Amino acid sequence: MLTIDQATYDAIVAHARRDHPDEACGVVAGAVGSDLPTRFIPMVNAAMSPTFYEFDSTDLLRLYQEMDDNDEVPVVVYHSHTATEAYPSRTDINLAGEPEAHYVLVSTRDGAHESGPVEFRSYRIVDGEVTEEEVTVVERY
């Protein structure tokens, strides 16, 4: 189960809406061993694509150095789907390299990029196996 605070949930949704029609992507880091996503880090989609996301390699290296310095890990890896449901594509599954992370997908299809509810779902992806998990949004930790 993913437990996420309302402010971080809102920030992920806002990022997905802001970057639409391109996919948005980012990470929410947390303390090693905590499984609590606490530091929201929006990233630039280097692919600048409505159907694919890619972290810029320089930005990603910098992020991992910061997380190492802060004793953090990527608790959540998120991105948006702009025209399809919030379910990992075959490419998403193949790129999932953090077995301990929660993979969050936000769908901004059908006008959700402008207003109204979005589809916000979380998965564990380990060795190509996708398991959806419950998402609990709390006011604060």
Foldseek 3Di string as FASTA:
>chain_A
DQEAAPVLVVVQLLQCLVLPVAKWWFFFKDAPPPLYRDRTGTADQPVSHNADGDGDPVVVVVVVVVCVVVNIDGQEIEMEHEADAFDDDQVNLVPPDDQNHKYWYWYCHPPVSPHDDIHIWIWGRDPSDTDTDDYHYHNHD
